[in-house]
Amino acid sequence: MPSDNVTPFRRPPKRPVAPQQSGGLGFKTHRGKAVLAHLLTLAAYVLSIVFPLPPLSYIALAAAVAAVLFVYSNRNEGTPWSNTHHEHALRTLVIGNVIITLADVLAMVVASPLTPGGIQTSLLMFAFWTRVVVVIWALLRALVALVLATMRKPVPHPRGWFI
């Protein structure tokens, strides 16, 4: 006799599905959390362009840290399509901020007071344009993912460098 006790006339018992929470402007649902992750990513990069110098740049840093903590804490708790959005947002935040930080540190370390003026200017311009390119890349990635999250569609390649 089979151990699963399923006959053609009897169906296996259904497992209860955990209901999603409502309220909180929809940010407690899987869709709301995916949308919030991309909105925090957008806010972090927009603030990094608006406030590039300390002490106001700490606002952008706080938004980036809040986005990383939110995305990482909700990383594997959602549906498969929302998990792709959390992975995508986390990689966008980490990769973009690492590239910006490396360009800024390179410009600060190499462009010392003893460095000739032309090289200092070119290094600072390199850091500036690196920041602009990374922010445009991150904004495009986050906007496309935000549109996909509102439609409840997964990100096609969440671990890729492109959209």
Protein backbone atom coordinates (compact mmCIF):
# COMPACT_ATOMS: atom_id res chain seq x y z
CA MET A 1 0.00 0.00 0.00
CA PRO A 2 1.43 3.41 -0.93
CA SER A 3 2.60 5.55 1.92
CA ASP A 4 1.18 8.83 0.61
CA ASN A 5 -2.44 7.57 0.83
CA VAL A 6 -3.55 9.43 -2.31
CA THR A 7 -6.25 7.81 -4.40
CA PRO A 8 -7.79 9.07 -7.63
CA PHE A 9 -10.82 10.22 -5.64
CA ARG A 10 -9.00 11.96 -2.81
CA ARG A 11 -6.81 15.03 -3.13
CA PRO A 12 -3.88 15.75 -0.83
CA PRO A 13 -4.58 18.36 1.83
CA LYS A 14 -3.84 21.96 0.87
CA ARG A 15 -1.23 23.85 2.80
CA PRO A 16 -2.40 27.17 4.21
CA VAL A 17 -0.94 30.24 2.52
CA ALA A 18 0.29 32.97 4.82
CA PRO A 19 -1.69 36.13 4.12
CA GLN A 20 0.14 39.32 3.24
CA GLN A 21 -0.18 42.19 5.61
CA SER A 22 -2.03 45.26 4.46
CA GLY A 23 -1.74 48.88 5.43
CA GLY A 24 1.34 51.03 5.77
CA LEU A 25 0.79 52.58 2.31
CA GLY A 26 1.26 49.10 0.85
CA PHE A 27 4.89 48.84 1.99
CA LYS A 28 4.21 45.63 3.93
CA THR A 29 3.37 43.65 0.80
CA HIS A 30 5.95 42.03 -1.46
CA ARG A 31 5.25 44.58 -4.17
CA GLY A 32 5.50 47.47 -1.72
CA LYS A 33 8.82 46.26 -0.35
CA ALA A 34 10.26 45.90 -3.86
CA VAL A 35 9.07 49.39 -4.79
CA LEU A 36 10.45 50.84 -1.54
CA ALA A 37 13.83 49.18 -2.17
CA HIS A 38 14.14 50.88 -5.54
CA LEU A 39 12.87 54.22 -4.21
CA LEU A 40 15.54 54.14 -1.49
CA THR A 41 18.15 53.29 -4.12
CA LEU A 42 17.03 56.23 -6.24
CA ALA A 43 17.07 58.54 -3.21
CA ALA A 44 20.60 57.49 -2.25
CA TYR A 45 22.02 58.25 -5.69
CA VAL A 46 20.06 61.47 -6.23
CA LEU A 47 21.22 62.75 -2.84
CA SER A 48 24.81 61.82 -3.66
CA ILE A 49 24.66 64.09 -6.72
CA VAL A 50 22.78 66.90 -4.97
CA PHE A 51 25.08 66.88 -1.91
CA PRO A 52 28.56 65.81 -3.11
CA LEU A 53 30.59 67.39 -0.29
CA PRO A 54 30.56 66.89 3.49
CA PRO A 55 28.75 67.52 5.81
CA LEU A 56 25.60 67.32 3.65
CA SER A 57 26.92 64.24 1.84
CA TYR A 58 26.22 62.31 5.04
CA ILE A 59 22.53 62.54 4.15
CA ALA A 60 23.23 60.53 0.99
CA LEU A 61 25.33 58.10 3.00
CA ALA A 62 22.48 57.65 5.50
CA ALA A 63 20.02 56.98 2.66
CA ALA A 64 22.41 54.42 1.13
CA VAL A 65 22.92 52.65 4.48
CA ALA A 66 19.16 52.61 5.10
CA ALA A 67 18.58 51.16 1.62
CA VAL A 68 21.21 48.45 2.09
CA LEU A 69 19.84 47.48 5.51
CA PHE A 70 16.27 47.37 4.23
CA VAL A 71 17.11 45.39 1.11
CA TYR A 72 19.41 42.95 2.90
CA SER A 73 16.90 42.28 5.67
CA ASN A 74 14.13 41.49 3.16
CA ARG A 75 16.37 39.62 0.74
CA ASN A 76 14.92 36.08 0.92
CA GLU A 77 11.57 36.70 2.59
CA GLY A 78 9.43 37.46 -0.44
CA THR A 79 8.12 35.77 -3.50
CA PRO A 80 10.60 34.75 -6.20
CA TRP A 81 9.91 37.82 -8.33
CA SER A 82 10.36 40.20 -5.38
CA ASN A 83 13.59 38.47 -4.36
CA THR A 84 15.05 39.37 -7.77
CA HIS A 85 14.27 43.02 -7.03
CA HIS A 86 15.99 42.92 -3.64
CA GLU A 87 19.08 41.29 -5.17
CA HIS A 88 19.10 43.84 -7.99
CA ALA A 89 18.79 46.82 -5.63
CA LEU A 90 21.51 45.48 -3.32
CA ARG A 91 23.94 44.97 -6.17
CA THR A 92 23.15 48.42 -7.60
CA LEU A 93 23.88 50.06 -4.26
CA VAL A 94 27.06 48.14 -3.51
CA ILE A 95 28.65 48.24 -6.96
CA GLY A 96 27.87 51.92 -7.52
CA ASN A 97 29.08 53.07 -4.13
CA VAL A 98 32.28 51.02 -4.38
CA ILE A 99 33.15 52.56 -7.77
CA ILE A 100 32.38 56.10 -6.55
CA THR A 101 34.43 55.56 -3.39
CA LEU A 102 37.42 54.19 -5.31
CA ALA A 103 37.37 57.12 -7.74
CA ASP A 104 37.13 59.65 -4.90
CA VAL A 105 39.90 58.00 -2.87
CA LEU A 106 42.14 57.87 -5.93
CA ALA A 107 41.57 61.56 -6.56
CA MET A 108 42.22 62.46 -2.92
CA VAL A 109 45.35 60.35 -2.49
CA VAL A 110 47.04 61.13 -5.79
CA ALA A 111 46.04 64.80 -5.94
CA SER A 112 48.17 65.95 -3.00
CA PRO A 113 49.43 69.55 -2.61
CA LEU A 114 52.76 68.49 -4.16
CA THR A 115 51.10 67.24 -7.36
CA PRO A 116 51.29 69.63 -10.33
CA GLY A 117 48.13 71.67 -10.96
CA GLY A 118 47.23 70.08 -14.29
CA ILE A 119 47.31 66.57 -12.88
CA GLN A 120 45.28 67.63 -9.83
CA THR A 121 42.60 69.11 -12.06
CA SER A 122 42.47 66.07 -14.32
CA LEU A 123 42.17 63.69 -11.35
CA LEU A 124 39.38 65.74 -9.82
CA MET A 125 37.60 65.81 -13.18
CA PHE A 126 38.05 62.04 -13.46
CA ALA A 127 36.44 61.58 -10.04
CA PHE A 128 33.59 63.93 -10.94
CA TRP A 129 32.81 62.28 -14.28
CA THR A 130 33.10 58.82 -12.74
CA ARG A 131 30.50 59.87 -10.19
CA VAL A 132 28.21 61.24 -12.92
CA VAL A 133 28.46 58.07 -15.05
CA VAL A 134 27.84 55.78 -12.07
CA VAL A 135 24.85 57.82 -10.92
CA ILE A 136 23.32 57.75 -14.41
CA TRP A 137 23.91 53.98 -14.55
CA ALA A 138 22.33 53.46 -11.13
CA LEU A 139 19.37 55.73 -11.85
CA LEU A 140 18.59 53.91 -15.10
CA ARG A 141 18.89 50.53 -13.37
CA ALA A 142 16.69 51.59 -10.47
CA LEU A 143 14.05 53.26 -12.65
CA VAL A 144 13.66 50.24 -14.91
CA ALA A 145 13.48 47.95 -11.90
CA LEU A 146 10.96 50.27 -10.24
CA VAL A 147 8.69 50.00 -13.27
CA LEU A 148 9.07 46.21 -13.23
CA ALA A 149 8.28 46.12 -9.51
CA THR A 150 5.07 48.11 -9.95
CA MET A 151 4.01 45.60 -12.61
CA ARG A 152 5.01 42.67 -10.35
CA LYS A 153 7.50 41.36 -12.92
CA PRO A 154 10.90 39.90 -11.99
CA VAL A 155 14.15 41.56 -12.96
CA PRO A 156 15.50 39.49 -15.89
CA HIS A 157 19.13 39.41 -14.73
CA PRO A 158 19.38 40.54 -11.09
CA ARG A 159 23.08 39.60 -10.84
CA GLY A 160 24.07 41.30 -14.09
CA TRP A 161 25.71 44.68 -14.51
CA PHE A 162 23.13 45.96 -16.94
CA ILE A 163 19.37 46.30 -16.62
